[in-house]
């Protein structure tokens, strides 16, 4: 059994904060790998300013190098748009793996806006990683009012494969101020160096062009 954390997002661009959170989660949850699900397009985010998918994948692979992290655009290859559909498809395609969904407290704050968010919680355990400035909104959200009864102690986090979903663990992580928004503001054309790249998906081994 391979234990894998799934971290979804636009990764526009991926950065050291993503890497640090992934390595922290891997240690806290005794994961074998973390998969970065580089989304073709987030339904809750505007498309303006979104770098091309091959560029985002190529850069994510660079940030993830020499770490137990695999950046993948499997959502584009599965044809899924919403997280609930992606998680069901990934679970179906990789039945020998055990998965836990990873997300920051900023995503928990808006989790109630996601399509079938209760279905996501019933699909696999969830680990929420604290993020500066978002914790109060996250813990006071409508989704959290439903999820609160399923919260597990962080001391039990390494045993998550024994949990029956819904199950939620809140992990404390040292504040990391890095964000994709700030990086884009500093360099809106960060993806230029990847414009001619032809990235290969580390998970599916398919070329992404």
Foldseek 3Di string as FASTA:
>chain_A
DAEEEEEEDQCLPPDPVVVVVQVVLCVLQVHQAYEYQNECDAPVDDPPLRDHPQLRQVRVCVSCPPHRYFYFPVCVVVVDHAPLVVLVVVCVVCVVYAYEYEEELQCLLCLVVGPPSLSVLQSFEYEYEYEPPRNVSNCPHPVNVVLVVQEDESVCNNVRVPDHGSHYYYDYDPYDPDDSVVVCVVPSPPSPVCPPPFDARPPPRHTDD
